[in-house]
Amino acid sequence: EVDAALAAYQAAQAQYRAIGDRLGLANALLGEAAARLRNAEVDAALAGYASALELYREVHDRVGIMNTQSSWARLEHSQGETASACARMREVLDLAESIGFGRYPIVRGWHEEYESWGCG
């Protein structure tokens, strides 16, 4: 199941690269990172998050930035890197507030995670 997802994300990446679609590529990289994490491939997941985040920033996709950063923060927290996770999630929360997303349920959930990690 995960292997099929990885193959699909990699095929999508090749297609997005071929047509120059950076947003599509970022989405496929983020999907692959999530699949890598399900396979316990932490370093590959981190690399995927970094690549996706760079592209989301280039195309100014704030939702993509928030989704990537929140996933990355969760991974850092699970690895015992609480200070880094807190800093990353704080960036997510600040960005969400700055674009008027603070009341969305997912953002409230991120805030709860942030507090449960002892960040607040």
Protein backbone atom coordinates (compact mmCIF):
# COMPACT_ATOMS: atom_id res chain seq x y z
CA GLU A 1 0.00 0.00 0.00
CA VAL A 2 2.72 2.49 0.98
CA ASP A 3 4.92 1.29 -1.86
CA ALA A 4 2.13 1.97 -4.34
CA ALA A 5 1.68 5.45 -2.90
CA LEU A 6 5.41 6.13 -3.16
CA ALA A 7 5.43 5.04 -6.79
CA ALA A 8 2.43 7.26 -7.56
CA TYR A 9 3.98 10.30 -5.84
CA GLN A 10 7.26 9.77 -7.68
CA ALA A 11 5.49 9.45 -11.03
CA ALA A 12 3.55 12.62 -10.27
CA GLN A 13 6.76 14.43 -9.42
CA ALA A 14 8.25 13.50 -12.78
CA GLN A 15 5.16 14.80 -14.56
CA TYR A 16 5.07 18.05 -12.60
CA ARG A 17 8.77 18.62 -13.26
CA ALA A 18 8.22 17.99 -16.97
CA ILE A 19 5.54 20.66 -17.20
CA GLY A 20 7.15 23.06 -14.73
CA ASP A 21 4.33 22.93 -12.18
CA ARG A 22 6.05 23.85 -8.91
CA LEU A 23 2.88 23.75 -6.81
CA GLY A 24 1.98 20.28 -8.08
CA LEU A 25 5.55 19.17 -7.42
CA ALA A 26 5.43 20.54 -3.87
CA ASN A 27 2.18 18.67 -3.22
CA ALA A 28 3.66 15.42 -4.54
CA LEU A 29 6.82 15.90 -2.46
CA LEU A 30 4.74 16.45 0.66
CA GLY A 31 2.71 13.32 -0.09
CA GLU A 32 5.86 11.30 -0.61
CA ALA A 33 7.27 12.60 2.69
CA ALA A 34 4.15 11.40 4.51
CA ALA A 35 4.44 7.98 2.86
CA ARG A 36 8.14 7.79 3.74
CA LEU A 37 7.27 8.54 7.34
CA ARG A 38 4.76 5.67 7.35
CA ASN A 39 7.68 3.46 6.28
CA ALA A 40 9.75 4.87 9.18
CA GLU A 41 12.12 6.53 6.69
CA VAL A 42 12.64 9.60 8.86
CA ASP A 43 15.58 11.12 6.96
CA ALA A 44 13.77 10.77 3.64
CA ALA A 45 10.64 12.33 5.16
CA LEU A 46 12.66 15.27 6.47
CA ALA A 47 14.26 15.77 3.06
CA GLY A 48 10.82 15.71 1.47
CA TYR A 49 9.49 18.28 3.92
CA ALA A 50 12.45 20.55 3.21
CA SER A 51 12.00 20.28 -0.56
CA ALA A 52 8.24 20.81 -0.41
CA LEU A 53 8.60 23.77 1.94
CA GLU A 54 11.10 25.47 -0.37
CA LEU A 55 8.69 25.16 -3.29
CA TYR A 56 5.66 26.28 -1.30
CA ARG A 57 7.60 29.37 -0.27
CA GLU A 58 8.65 30.05 -3.87
CA VAL A 59 5.04 29.98 -5.06
CA HIS A 60 3.74 31.77 -1.95
CA ASP A 61 1.35 28.95 -1.01
CA ARG A 62 0.69 29.71 2.64
CA VAL A 63 -1.57 26.72 3.20
CA GLY A 64 1.12 24.42 1.81
CA ILE A 65 3.66 26.09 4.09
CA MET A 66 1.44 25.56 7.13
CA ASN A 67 0.70 21.93 6.28
CA THR A 68 4.36 21.15 5.69
CA GLN A 69 5.59 22.97 8.76
CA SER A 70 2.99 21.37 11.04
CA SER A 71 3.86 17.89 9.77
CA TRP A 72 7.55 18.62 10.19
CA ALA A 73 6.95 19.94 13.73
CA ARG A 74 5.10 16.74 14.65
CA LEU A 75 7.98 14.67 13.37
CA GLU A 76 10.48 16.75 15.32
CA HIS A 77 8.38 16.39 18.46
CA SER A 78 8.18 12.62 18.00
CA GLN A 79 11.98 12.56 17.74
CA GLY A 80 12.38 14.46 21.03
CA GLU A 81 13.32 17.74 19.36
CA THR A 82 10.78 19.74 21.36
CA ALA A 83 12.40 23.17 21.09
CA SER A 84 12.62 22.94 17.32
CA ALA A 85 9.09 21.52 17.08
CA CYS A 86 7.75 24.36 19.22
CA ALA A 87 9.50 27.01 17.13
CA ARG A 88 8.24 25.48 13.88
CA MET A 89 4.67 25.14 15.14
CA ARG A 90 4.76 28.73 16.46
CA GLU A 91 5.57 29.84 12.89
CA VAL A 92 2.56 27.85 11.67
CA LEU A 93 0.25 29.43 14.22
CA ASP A 94 1.53 32.93 13.51
CA LEU A 95 1.06 32.45 9.77
CA ALA A 96 -2.45 31.08 10.31
CA GLU A 97 -3.38 34.12 12.38
CA SER A 98 -1.87 36.51 9.84
CA ILE A 99 -4.09 35.18 7.05
CA GLY A 100 -7.27 34.91 9.10
CA PHE A 101 -7.22 31.14 9.60
CA GLY A 102 -6.94 31.21 13.40
CA ARG A 103 -10.48 29.99 14.01
CA TYR A 104 -10.34 27.03 11.64
CA PRO A 105 -10.64 23.67 13.44
CA ILE A 106 -7.34 22.39 12.08
CA VAL A 107 -5.55 25.48 13.36
CA ARG A 108 -7.17 25.07 16.77
CA GLY A 109 -5.88 21.49 16.71
CA TRP A 110 -2.36 22.71 15.94
CA HIS A 111 -2.65 25.13 18.84
CA GLU A 112 -3.70 22.29 21.16
CA GLU A 113 -0.71 20.23 20.02
CA TYR A 114 1.57 23.21 20.60
CA GLU A 115 0.29 23.60 24.14
CA SER A 116 0.40 19.86 24.87
CA TRP A 117 4.09 19.87 23.97
CA GLY A 118 4.68 22.49 26.69
CA CYS A 119 5.47 25.20 24.16
CA GLY A 120 3.13 27.93 25.36
